[in-house]
Protein backbone atom coordinates (compact mmCIF):
# COMPACT_ATOMS: atom_id res chain seq x y z
CA UNK A 1 16.14 -54.06 0.60
CA UNK A 2 15.74 -51.90 3.71
CA UNK A 3 14.93 -53.51 7.02
CA UNK A 4 13.38 -51.70 9.95
CA UNK A 5 16.17 -50.58 12.24
CA UNK A 6 14.43 -51.93 15.32
CA UNK A 7 14.19 -55.44 13.86
CA UNK A 8 17.87 -55.49 12.93
CA UNK A 9 18.91 -54.18 16.35
CA UNK A 10 16.77 -56.84 18.07
CA UNK A 11 18.39 -59.61 16.00
CA UNK A 12 21.85 -58.21 16.72
CA UNK A 13 21.15 -57.91 20.45
CA UNK A 14 19.74 -61.45 20.72
CA UNK A 15 22.75 -62.91 18.93
CA UNK A 16 25.35 -61.02 20.98
CA UNK A 17 23.64 -61.69 24.31
CA UNK A 18 23.86 -65.43 23.54
CA UNK A 19 27.57 -64.90 22.82
CA UNK A 20 28.14 -63.60 26.36
CA UNK A 21 28.06 -59.85 25.92
CA UNK A 22 27.17 -57.57 28.83
CA UNK A 23 27.03 -54.29 26.86
CA UNK A 24 26.24 -53.52 23.21
CA UNK A 25 26.34 -50.17 21.45
CA UNK A 26 26.21 -49.07 17.84
CA UNK A 27 28.68 -46.38 16.84
CA UNK A 28 28.23 -43.66 14.25
CA UNK A 29 25.45 -43.20 11.73
CA UNK A 30 24.52 -46.89 11.66
CA UNK A 31 22.38 -46.24 14.72
CA UNK A 32 19.98 -44.25 12.54
CA UNK A 33 19.25 -46.36 9.42
CA UNK A 34 20.09 -49.81 8.10
CA UNK A 35 20.29 -50.84 4.45
CA UNK A 36 22.10 -53.60 2.62
CA UNK A 37 23.56 -51.14 0.12
CA UNK A 38 26.86 -50.46 1.83
CA UNK A 39 25.58 -49.70 5.31
CA UNK A 40 27.96 -51.09 7.92
CA UNK A 41 27.54 -51.57 11.63
CA UNK A 42 30.36 -50.69 13.96
CA UNK A 43 29.45 -52.40 17.21
CA UNK A 44 31.27 -51.77 20.49
CA UNK A 45 30.78 -54.64 22.94
CA UNK A 46 31.86 -55.71 26.39
CA UNK A 47 32.21 -59.46 26.82
CA UNK A 48 31.75 -61.14 30.19
CA UNK A 49 34.76 -63.38 29.52
CA UNK A 50 37.81 -63.25 27.25
CA UNK A 51 37.01 -63.66 23.55
CA UNK A 52 39.53 -64.53 20.85
CA UNK A 53 39.97 -62.76 17.54
CA UNK A 54 38.84 -65.92 15.75
CA UNK A 55 35.59 -65.89 17.71
CA UNK A 56 35.01 -62.24 16.78
CA UNK A 57 35.57 -62.98 13.08
CA UNK A 58 33.16 -65.93 13.25
CA UNK A 59 30.52 -63.73 14.89
CA UNK A 60 30.99 -61.01 12.27
CA UNK A 61 30.50 -63.55 9.46
CA UNK A 62 27.41 -65.07 11.04
CA UNK A 63 25.89 -61.64 11.65
CA UNK A 64 26.61 -60.56 8.08
CA UNK A 65 24.68 -63.59 6.82
CA UNK A 66 21.76 -63.00 9.21
CA UNK A 67 21.49 -59.22 8.82
CA UNK A 68 22.55 -58.97 5.16
CA UNK A 69 25.00 -56.19 5.99
CA UNK A 70 28.59 -56.00 7.21
CA UNK A 71 29.09 -55.96 10.98
CA UNK A 72 32.38 -54.99 12.61
CA UNK A 73 32.69 -55.91 16.28
CA UNK A 74 35.05 -54.03 18.57
CA UNK A 75 35.79 -55.61 21.93
CA UNK A 76 36.23 -52.68 24.32
CA UNK A 77 38.94 -54.60 26.17
CA UNK A 78 41.13 -54.40 23.04
CA UNK A 79 40.67 -50.70 22.30
CA UNK A 80 42.59 -47.79 23.78
CA UNK A 81 40.61 -46.36 26.76
CA UNK A 82 40.90 -42.82 25.38
CA UNK A 83 39.47 -43.97 22.05
CA UNK A 84 36.60 -45.67 23.91
CA UNK A 85 35.71 -42.38 25.60
CA UNK A 86 35.62 -40.62 22.23
CA UNK A 87 33.54 -43.41 20.65
CA UNK A 88 31.00 -43.33 23.44
CA UNK A 89 30.21 -39.69 22.69
CA UNK A 90 28.31 -40.86 19.59
CA UNK A 91 26.89 -44.24 20.52
CA UNK A 92 23.47 -45.81 20.59
CA UNK A 93 23.35 -48.27 23.52
CA UNK A 94 21.23 -51.29 22.60
CA UNK A 95 21.79 -53.38 25.73
CA UNK A 96 23.49 -53.03 29.07
CA UNK A 97 23.38 -55.67 31.77
CA UNK A 98 22.47 -54.31 35.17
């Protein structure tokens, strides 16, 4: 089954905004197409408050069930700043709080 990319991105954005995210971006090729046949999302997020690893794992599991594809969430506070700069060269920003 293939879902329209826009619909999947809207569901992802709604879910993460409720979780307290101030910025959401999709990294890599996942920003182009979405299928349930091995297509993964690598999502770089900025949380408004501290978020534990257990909370991230719970979110990933819930999103996998909702979107029918694997979602990996990277909290930008836990990633090397130089790696963040490199990642942001190829990102698709879905949401950014003003």
